[in-house]
Amino acid sequence: MENYVEILNDKYFEGKLSKKFRNKLENIPIDRPDVLSMVERMFRLINNANIPATDLSEMLGEILGTLLGRILPSAWEDRIPPVTVPGRHAAIDKYIKMSQWNSKEAKSMMDIGCGFPPYTTIDTANYFPDWNIFGVDPSLPKFLVHDESGNYATFSEGKSIVYFQPSNPTIENWDLLLKDKEETKSRFYKLLNQLDGHPSKDKNIVPRLELDPIKIYEQNNLSFIIGGIGAVDIKPVDVIRCFNVLFYFNNAFFLKALSWFKGKLTEGGLLFIGGNWAASTESFYAVYQKEGDVLHRREFAFSIDCICPFSVATWYANHDDDQQAAELTKYVKMIRQDDDFMKEFYAFHDLQRAAYGICPRDSDGYYDNIDSSIAPEDIWPSVGKILEELNENGFNDKAIQVLRNSGVNAKLNEVGHLSILF
């Protein structure tokens, strides 16, 4: 593994990755070709975006070396893991409401790939109380089992395990569940058998079995459908949101999905496709609008933190022909090639990282790890605040000017994201 890491280091970073980063990267499972190719693809995108080795934090090395292999589909029998985080799409909800393309009063939305628990779809239903919201996902479970620590596993109707996750999905908690994956599966199967016939909805009871757990999340304006892209029987809706799904598929599937989405939109309806992470950080997305039998691409937008991200969401492409990853990389590179902008950005952003204790510069000039005194649940809200401060201090607006100077038709959209218009 050390040789593999050094090959990538020389190929993409001129041998300049920090020793701390390389040590974390050496935890990559060498028997997982999907993980190895994913890491190299991310490095290629990072390199193409003009991001130097000094900006790859020790935390990022830990995510790539330890966590990445646990969230790729091959770790879950080639199913897309239904990972969700509350507040993840808050900025997207706000933009849907305020979008200049919303020429009519939208009233219905399909959130496809809603995940489980469907936190972001619930957020959306609460944000749009007068809309009909449909959460759609092929992995919605029949059975849900919580263990004594609140970790949970989901099971299909045939009682096959679909997915399990720690109550608080930190790297440390994932380690506890996955150091012996088969033992964890066996333990959850045992709990399912013990609790079978004794379901409960009391969240204070653990261990606990829930039947048809998706039903407890239904509201007057929120319902759920089991299904995926191309396999959902639903009338056309005014808005479709498909986030953190299509980066698992190749471009041929992406194009087929666009055609299917077109048939599921009302006239003038909007389609939002992209990705992001917790607290609406590292957001990137395309906006399409249906006119007659045509799906027009209106804009491609992204948040300013994509130029110097904390997590892997910005580079999370499972195939070499991922067009959104390529497009994001192109615009990030344009911004980062402006030396005056980057000098001002680093002067401000490095102070932010030091103040919050999240991956500050170390004495060698590399982004480090997170201050160990910071509680895991406080990390991503703090990263969200860092993004807010970047916007409040005008770095998104300054980046727009850099893009314009490069000949790009760019502006800030209604939620402060950098928007390229078509």
Protein backbone atom coordinates (compact mmCIF):
# COMPACT_ATOMS: atom_id res chain seq x y z
CA MET A 1 0.00 0.00 0.00
CA GLU A 2 2.85 2.38 0.75
CA ASN A 3 4.07 1.98 -2.83
CA TYR A 4 0.57 2.71 -4.18
CA VAL A 5 0.35 5.90 -2.12
CA GLU A 6 3.79 7.05 -3.27
CA ILE A 7 2.88 6.42 -6.92
CA LEU A 8 -0.21 8.64 -6.58
CA ASN A 9 1.78 11.22 -4.64
CA ASP A 10 4.37 11.47 -7.42
CA LYS A 11 1.79 11.33 -10.24
CA TYR A 12 -0.57 14.04 -8.99
CA PHE A 13 1.27 16.08 -6.35
CA GLU A 14 4.97 16.03 -7.33
CA GLY A 15 5.70 13.97 -4.21
CA LYS A 16 4.56 16.83 -1.94
CA LEU A 17 1.74 15.20 0.08
CA SER A 18 2.40 15.51 3.80
CA LYS A 19 3.61 12.52 5.78
CA LYS A 20 0.49 12.77 7.97
CA PHE A 21 -1.77 12.59 4.93
CA ARG A 22 0.15 9.67 3.43
CA ASN A 23 0.00 7.76 6.71
CA LYS A 24 -3.80 8.09 6.81
CA LEU A 25 -4.07 7.08 3.16
CA GLU A 26 -2.19 3.85 3.82
CA ASN A 27 -5.32 2.52 5.57
CA ILE A 28 -7.04 2.13 2.18
CA PRO A 29 -8.23 -1.49 1.72
CA ILE A 30 -5.82 -2.83 -0.92
CA ASP A 31 -8.30 -5.58 -1.86
CA ARG A 32 -10.93 -3.04 -2.99
CA PRO A 33 -10.31 -1.95 -6.61
CA ASP A 34 -13.36 0.34 -6.42
CA VAL A 35 -11.78 2.27 -3.56
CA LEU A 36 -8.40 2.46 -5.28
CA SER A 37 -9.90 3.79 -8.51
CA MET A 38 -12.13 6.23 -6.60
CA VAL A 39 -9.16 7.71 -4.74
CA GLU A 40 -7.15 8.09 -7.94
CA ARG A 41 -10.13 9.69 -9.69
CA MET A 42 -10.49 12.18 -6.84
CA PHE A 43 -6.77 12.96 -6.97
CA ARG A 44 -7.00 13.55 -10.72
CA LEU A 45 -9.90 15.97 -10.23
CA ILE A 46 -8.11 17.74 -7.38
CA ASN A 47 -4.99 18.06 -9.51
CA ASN A 48 -7.00 19.32 -12.50
CA ALA A 49 -8.61 21.92 -10.24
CA ASN A 50 -5.17 23.36 -9.40
CA ILE A 51 -5.39 22.39 -5.72
CA PRO A 52 -1.94 21.88 -4.15
CA ALA A 53 -0.85 19.12 -1.77
CA THR A 54 -0.73 21.64 1.08
CA ASP A 55 -4.53 21.98 0.91
CA LEU A 56 -5.19 18.27 1.47
CA SER A 57 -5.80 18.00 5.19
CA GLU A 58 -4.98 15.13 7.48
CA MET A 59 -8.75 14.78 8.03
CA LEU A 60 -9.27 14.33 4.29
CA GLY A 61 -6.60 11.63 4.30
CA GLU A 62 -8.46 9.88 7.10
CA ILE A 63 -11.77 10.07 5.21
CA LEU A 64 -10.18 8.61 2.08
CA GLY A 65 -8.22 5.97 3.92
CA THR A 66 -10.85 4.82 6.40
CA LEU A 67 -14.39 5.98 5.62
CA LEU A 68 -14.59 5.98 1.83
CA GLY A 69 -14.57 2.21 1.44
CA ARG A 70 -17.49 1.93 3.83
CA ILE A 71 -19.85 4.14 1.88
CA LEU A 72 -19.23 2.95 -1.68
CA PRO A 73 -21.95 0.71 -3.17
CA SER A 74 -19.74 -2.40 -3.34
CA ALA A 75 -19.66 -2.42 0.45
CA TRP A 76 -23.46 -2.81 0.41
CA GLU A 77 -24.02 -5.46 -2.28
CA ASP A 78 -23.84 -2.72 -4.95
CA ARG A 79 -26.71 -0.75 -3.41
CA ILE A 80 -26.36 2.99 -2.99
CA PRO A 81 -26.16 3.60 0.77
CA PRO A 82 -29.12 5.76 1.90
CA VAL A 83 -26.99 8.23 3.84
CA THR A 84 -28.83 11.38 4.93
CA VAL A 85 -27.97 14.33 7.17
CA PRO A 86 -30.49 16.86 8.55
CA GLY A 87 -30.17 20.30 6.97
CA ARG A 88 -28.18 19.00 4.03
CA HIS A 89 -30.48 20.57 1.43
CA ALA A 90 -31.53 23.71 3.31
CA ALA A 91 -29.85 26.04 0.82
CA ILE A 92 -31.35 24.10 -2.09
CA ASP A 93 -34.86 24.35 -0.62
CA LYS A 94 -34.38 28.09 -0.23
CA TYR A 95 -33.16 28.40 -3.80
CA ILE A 96 -36.08 26.39 -5.19
CA LYS A 97 -38.42 28.82 -3.48
CA MET A 98 -36.59 31.92 -4.71
CA SER A 99 -35.33 30.77 -8.11
CA GLN A 100 -35.72 33.13 -11.05
CA TRP A 101 -36.77 30.13 -13.13
CA ASN A 102 -39.82 29.55 -10.94
CA SER A 103 -42.21 31.37 -13.27
CA LYS A 104 -45.26 29.67 -11.79
CA GLU A 105 -46.48 28.78 -8.33
CA ALA A 106 -44.98 25.33 -7.85
CA LYS A 107 -46.97 22.99 -5.65
CA SER A 108 -45.42 19.54 -5.90
CA MET A 109 -41.97 17.98 -5.64
CA MET A 110 -40.41 14.56 -6.04
CA ASP A 111 -37.29 14.10 -3.94
CA ILE A 112 -35.76 11.03 -5.55
CA GLY A 113 -33.05 9.30 -3.57
CA CYS A 114 -34.50 10.62 -0.30
CA GLY A 115 -32.51 8.14 1.79
CA PHE A 116 -33.38 6.80 5.21
CA PRO A 117 -34.12 8.24 7.65
CA PRO A 118 -35.51 10.80 5.18
CA TYR A 119 -34.26 13.83 7.10
CA THR A 120 -33.85 16.14 4.12
CA THR A 121 -37.26 15.29 2.67
CA ILE A 122 -38.86 16.06 6.03
CA ASP A 123 -36.97 19.37 6.07
CA THR A 124 -38.41 20.13 2.64
CA ALA A 125 -41.98 19.22 3.62
CA ASN A 126 -41.72 21.53 6.63
CA TYR A 127 -40.24 24.33 4.49
CA PHE A 128 -43.03 23.98 1.89
CA PRO A 129 -46.12 23.21 4.02
CA ASP A 130 -48.50 23.96 1.12
CA TRP A 131 -46.76 21.61 -1.31
CA ASN A 132 -47.21 17.89 -1.91
CA ILE A 133 -43.82 16.27 -1.34
CA PHE A 134 -43.01 12.74 -2.48
CA GLY A 135 -39.92 11.03 -1.06
CA VAL A 136 -38.70 8.25 -3.34
CA ASP A 137 -35.95 5.69 -2.74
CA PRO A 138 -35.40 2.02 -3.66
CA SER A 139 -33.91 1.30 -0.23
CA LEU A 140 -36.81 2.27 2.01
CA PRO A 141 -36.94 -0.51 4.62
CA LYS A 142 -39.60 -2.89 5.88
CA PHE A 143 -37.87 -3.43 9.23
CA LEU A 144 -35.69 -1.12 11.31
CA VAL A 145 -33.66 -2.37 14.27
CA HIS A 146 -31.92 -0.13 16.82
CA ASP A 147 -29.32 -1.65 19.13
CA GLU A 148 -28.60 -0.63 22.74
CA SER A 149 -26.39 2.27 21.56
CA GLY A 150 -28.89 3.63 19.05
CA ASN A 151 -27.02 2.30 16.02
CA TYR A 152 -29.46 0.99 13.46
CA ALA A 153 -29.85 -1.53 10.66
CA THR A 154 -32.50 -1.63 7.95
CA PHE A 155 -33.95 -4.81 6.45
CA SER A 156 -35.94 -5.58 3.32
CA GLU A 157 -39.33 -7.31 3.34
CA GLY A 158 -37.47 -10.61 2.90
CA LYS A 159 -35.44 -9.77 6.04
CA SER A 160 -32.20 -9.23 4.15
CA ILE A 161 -30.03 -6.54 5.69
CA VAL A 162 -29.88 -3.45 3.51
CA TYR A 163 -27.70 -1.05 5.47
CA PHE A 164 -26.48 -0.21 8.93
CA GLN A 165 -25.11 2.98 10.39
CA PRO A 166 -23.90 4.30 13.75
CA SER A 167 -26.19 6.65 15.66
CA ASN A 168 -23.56 9.35 15.16
CA PRO A 169 -21.71 8.59 11.90
CA THR A 170 -18.19 9.62 12.89
CA ILE A 171 -15.12 7.75 11.68
CA GLU A 172 -14.61 6.37 15.19
CA ASN A 173 -18.18 5.08 15.42
CA TRP A 174 -17.97 3.55 11.96
CA ASP A 175 -14.80 1.80 13.11
CA LEU A 176 -16.67 0.19 15.98
CA LEU A 177 -19.36 -1.18 13.66
CA LEU A 178 -17.11 -2.18 10.79
CA LYS A 179 -14.01 -3.62 12.40
CA ASP A 180 -15.91 -6.92 12.03
CA LYS A 181 -18.68 -6.28 9.53
CA GLU A 182 -19.99 -9.85 9.56
CA GLU A 183 -20.21 -9.84 13.35
CA THR A 184 -22.19 -6.58 13.22
CA LYS A 185 -24.56 -8.06 10.64
CA SER A 186 -24.98 -11.20 12.76
CA ARG A 187 -25.72 -9.11 15.85
CA PHE A 188 -28.43 -7.12 14.05
CA TYR A 189 -29.96 -10.31 12.59
CA LYS A 190 -30.07 -11.73 16.11
CA LEU A 191 -31.79 -8.60 17.41
CA LEU A 192 -34.32 -8.77 14.57
CA ASN A 193 -35.21 -12.35 15.46
CA GLN A 194 -35.41 -11.56 19.19
CA LEU A 195 -37.66 -8.55 18.65
CA ASP A 196 -39.79 -10.04 15.86
CA GLY A 197 -43.44 -9.79 16.88
CA HIS A 198 -42.71 -7.06 19.43
CA PRO A 199 -42.36 -3.81 17.46
CA SER A 200 -42.38 -0.46 19.22
CA LYS A 201 -42.57 3.20 18.23
CA ASP A 202 -41.25 4.42 21.58
CA LYS A 203 -37.90 6.06 20.80
CA ASN A 204 -36.86 5.70 24.44
CA ILE A 205 -36.81 1.92 24.14
CA VAL A 206 -33.58 0.25 22.96
CA PRO A 207 -33.05 -2.19 21.49
CA ARG A 208 -36.13 -1.59 19.35
CA LEU A 209 -37.82 -2.98 16.25
CA GLU A 210 -39.96 -0.78 14.01
CA LEU A 211 -42.21 -2.06 11.22
CA ASP A 212 -42.64 -0.03 8.03
CA PRO A 213 -40.60 2.72 9.69
CA ILE A 214 -41.06 5.13 6.80
CA LYS A 215 -44.73 5.55 7.77
CA ILE A 216 -43.89 7.42 10.96
CA TYR A 217 -42.39 10.20 8.84
CA GLU A 218 -45.47 10.71 6.70
CA GLN A 219 -47.31 14.02 7.06
CA ASN A 220 -50.34 15.62 5.46
CA ASN A 221 -48.11 16.94 2.67
CA LEU A 222 -45.47 14.18 2.70
CA SER A 223 -45.66 10.62 1.41
CA PHE A 224 -43.11 8.01 0.35
CA ILE A 225 -42.72 5.65 -2.58
CA ILE A 226 -40.33 2.72 -2.90
CA GLY A 227 -38.57 2.98 -6.25
CA GLY A 228 -35.73 4.47 -8.22
CA ILE A 229 -35.04 6.43 -11.39
CA GLY A 230 -37.09 5.02 -14.25
CA ALA A 231 -39.18 2.84 -11.95
CA VAL A 232 -41.64 5.11 -10.15
CA ASP A 233 -45.33 5.41 -10.98
CA ILE A 234 -46.07 9.04 -10.19
CA LYS A 235 -47.93 11.85 -11.94
CA PRO A 236 -45.79 14.76 -13.25
CA VAL A 237 -44.63 17.17 -10.55
CA ASP A 238 -43.52 20.80 -10.62
CA VAL A 239 -40.06 20.18 -9.14
CA ILE A 240 -37.73 17.18 -9.05
CA ARG A 241 -34.71 17.14 -6.76
CA CYS A 242 -32.12 14.42 -7.29
CA PHE A 243 -29.11 15.03 -5.07
CA ASN A 244 -26.22 12.74 -4.17
CA VAL A 245 -27.50 10.00 -6.49
CA LEU A 246 -26.35 10.43 -10.07
CA PHE A 247 -22.67 10.68 -9.16
CA TYR A 248 -22.90 6.92 -8.58
CA PHE A 249 -23.70 6.32 -12.29
CA ASN A 250 -21.96 6.82 -15.62
CA ASN A 251 -22.84 9.46 -18.18
CA ALA A 252 -25.01 7.11 -20.28
CA PHE A 253 -27.26 6.55 -17.26
CA PHE A 254 -27.20 10.29 -16.52
CA LEU A 255 -28.58 11.05 -19.99
CA LYS A 256 -31.27 8.37 -19.68
CA ALA A 257 -32.22 9.83 -16.31
CA LEU A 258 -32.63 13.29 -17.85
CA SER A 259 -35.04 11.86 -20.41
CA TRP A 260 -37.05 10.13 -17.70
CA PHE A 261 -37.11 13.23 -15.50
CA LYS A 262 -38.46 15.24 -18.44
CA GLY A 263 -41.46 12.93 -18.61
CA LYS A 264 -42.10 13.37 -14.89
CA LEU A 265 -42.16 17.18 -14.96
CA THR A 266 -45.09 19.47 -15.59
CA GLU A 267 -44.74 22.18 -18.24
CA GLY A 268 -42.27 24.76 -16.93
CA GLY A 269 -41.21 22.37 -14.18
CA LEU A 270 -37.71 22.47 -12.68
CA LEU A 271 -35.13 19.73 -12.21
CA PHE A 272 -32.25 20.06 -9.73
CA ILE A 273 -29.40 17.55 -10.01
CA GLY A 274 -26.25 17.71 -7.93
CA GLY A 275 -24.50 16.91 -4.70
CA ASN A 276 -23.55 18.42 -1.35
CA TRP A 277 -22.72 17.59 2.23
CA ALA A 278 -23.84 18.52 5.76
CA ALA A 279 -25.12 22.05 6.47
CA SER A 280 -25.49 22.60 2.70
CA THR A 281 -21.72 22.78 2.31
CA GLU A 282 -19.92 21.82 -0.90
CA SER A 283 -23.08 22.29 -2.92
CA PHE A 284 -22.97 21.90 -6.71
CA TYR A 285 -25.91 21.41 -9.03
CA ALA A 286 -27.44 21.95 -12.44
CA VAL A 287 -30.89 23.47 -12.96
CA TYR A 288 -33.03 22.30 -15.88
CA GLN A 289 -36.44 23.52 -17.00
CA LYS A 290 -39.01 21.73 -19.16
CA GLU A 291 -40.44 23.60 -22.12
CA GLY A 292 -42.59 21.48 -24.42
CA ASP A 293 -40.59 18.38 -25.22
CA VAL A 294 -37.25 19.98 -24.35
CA LEU A 295 -35.33 20.03 -21.08
CA HIS A 296 -33.28 23.24 -21.08
CA ARG A 297 -30.23 23.56 -18.86
CA ARG A 298 -30.56 26.96 -17.21
CA GLU A 299 -27.52 27.11 -14.93
CA PHE A 300 -24.76 25.30 -13.13
CA ALA A 301 -24.11 26.54 -9.61
CA PHE A 302 -21.80 25.80 -6.70
CA SER A 303 -20.90 27.16 -3.27
CA ILE A 304 -17.61 29.00 -2.76
CA ASP A 305 -16.27 26.35 -0.34
CA CYS A 306 -15.88 23.94 -3.27
CA ILE A 307 -12.63 25.72 -4.11
CA CYS A 308 -11.11 24.55 -0.82
CA PRO A 309 -13.38 21.80 0.58
CA PHE A 310 -13.19 20.02 3.91
CA SER A 311 -14.82 16.75 2.85
CA VAL A 312 -14.93 14.58 -0.29
CA ALA A 313 -18.35 15.69 -1.58
CA THR A 314 -16.80 18.07 -4.13
CA TRP A 315 -14.86 15.21 -5.77
CA TYR A 316 -17.29 12.34 -5.22
CA ALA A 317 -17.42 10.88 -8.75
CA ASN A 318 -17.76 7.14 -9.24
CA HIS A 319 -17.05 7.22 -12.99
CA ASP A 320 -14.47 8.92 -15.18
CA ASP A 321 -17.14 10.43 -17.45
CA ASP A 322 -18.99 12.28 -14.67
CA GLN A 323 -19.87 15.54 -16.46
CA GLN A 324 -20.81 17.48 -13.31
CA ALA A 325 -17.47 16.67 -11.67
CA ALA A 326 -15.65 17.80 -14.82
CA GLU A 327 -17.66 21.02 -14.99
CA LEU A 328 -17.12 21.87 -11.33
CA THR A 329 -13.39 21.17 -11.68
CA LYS A 330 -13.17 23.53 -14.68
CA TYR A 331 -14.66 26.47 -12.80
CA VAL A 332 -12.74 25.81 -9.59
CA LYS A 333 -9.52 25.85 -11.62
CA MET A 334 -10.44 29.21 -13.18
CA ILE A 335 -10.88 30.71 -9.73
CA ARG A 336 -7.78 29.16 -8.20
CA GLN A 337 -5.58 30.33 -11.08
CA ASP A 338 -6.21 33.93 -10.04
CA ASP A 339 -3.26 34.54 -7.71
CA ASP A 340 -4.60 37.80 -6.27
CA PHE A 341 -7.93 36.21 -5.36
CA MET A 342 -6.29 33.13 -3.81
CA LYS A 343 -3.86 35.22 -1.77
CA GLU A 344 -6.77 37.15 -0.26
CA PHE A 345 -8.84 33.97 0.15
CA TYR A 346 -6.09 32.08 2.00
CA ALA A 347 -5.37 35.04 4.28
CA PHE A 348 -9.00 35.00 5.43
CA HIS A 349 -9.81 31.29 5.23
CA ASP A 350 -6.73 30.09 7.10
CA LEU A 351 -7.68 32.37 9.98
CA GLN A 352 -11.16 30.82 9.94
CA ARG A 353 -9.76 27.30 10.18
CA ALA A 354 -7.49 28.31 13.05
CA ALA A 355 -10.32 30.07 14.90
CA TYR A 356 -12.68 27.08 14.62
CA GLY A 357 -9.96 24.48 15.18
CA ILE A 358 -10.95 22.63 12.00
CA CYS A 359 -7.98 21.57 9.89
CA PRO A 360 -5.80 24.67 10.45
CA ARG A 361 -2.41 25.14 8.80
CA ASP A 362 0.38 23.38 10.65
CA SER A 363 3.95 24.67 11.00
CA ASP A 364 4.90 23.03 7.69
CA GLY A 365 2.13 24.83 5.80
CA TYR A 366 -0.26 21.88 5.44
CA TYR A 367 -3.89 21.72 6.53
CA ASP A 368 -3.95 19.54 9.64
CA ASN A 369 -6.65 17.59 11.48
CA ILE A 370 -9.56 18.68 13.68
CA ASP A 371 -8.96 19.85 17.22
CA SER A 372 -9.63 16.73 19.32
CA SER A 373 -11.64 18.76 21.85
CA ILE A 374 -14.35 19.53 19.26
CA ALA A 375 -17.41 17.28 19.59
CA PRO A 376 -18.22 15.35 16.37
CA GLU A 377 -21.71 16.85 16.20
CA ASP A 378 -20.20 20.36 16.18
CA ILE A 379 -17.86 19.86 13.22
CA TRP A 380 -20.17 20.30 10.25
CA PRO A 381 -22.28 23.11 11.73
CA SER A 382 -18.97 24.95 12.19
CA VAL A 383 -18.00 24.22 8.60
CA GLY A 384 -21.39 25.65 7.61
CA LYS A 385 -20.59 28.82 9.56
CA ILE A 386 -17.25 29.08 7.78
CA LEU A 387 -19.11 29.03 4.46
CA GLU A 388 -21.53 31.71 5.69
CA GLU A 389 -18.61 33.93 6.72
CA LEU A 390 -16.94 33.52 3.33
CA ASN A 391 -20.15 34.73 1.68
CA GLU A 392 -20.70 37.53 4.18
CA ASN A 393 -17.19 38.81 3.48
CA GLY A 394 -17.81 38.83 -0.25
CA PHE A 395 -15.60 35.98 -1.41
CA ASN A 396 -18.42 34.48 -3.47
CA ASP A 397 -18.90 37.86 -5.19
CA LYS A 398 -15.15 38.22 -5.79
CA ALA A 399 -15.03 34.72 -7.28
CA ILE A 400 -17.84 35.70 -9.66
CA GLN A 401 -15.70 38.57 -10.88
CA VAL A 402 -12.83 36.17 -11.49
CA LEU A 403 -15.11 33.95 -13.58
CA ARG A 404 -16.38 36.95 -15.54
CA ASN A 405 -12.80 38.03 -16.20
CA SER A 406 -12.30 34.56 -17.68
CA GLY A 407 -15.19 35.09 -20.09
CA VAL A 408 -17.82 33.13 -18.15
CA ASN A 409 -21.43 34.35 -17.96
CA ALA A 410 -21.59 34.17 -14.15
CA LYS A 411 -23.54 35.78 -11.33
CA LEU A 412 -24.51 35.09 -7.74
CA ASN A 413 -27.83 33.31 -7.56
CA GLU A 414 -30.52 33.90 -4.97
CA VAL A 415 -28.74 31.94 -2.21
CA GLY A 416 -25.24 33.26 -2.85
CA HIS A 417 -23.98 30.35 -4.93
CA LEU A 418 -21.73 30.97 -7.92
CA SER A 419 -23.99 30.51 -10.92
CA ILE A 420 -23.01 29.99 -14.56
CA LEU A 421 -25.89 30.82 -16.88
CA PHE A 422 -26.60 29.17 -20.23
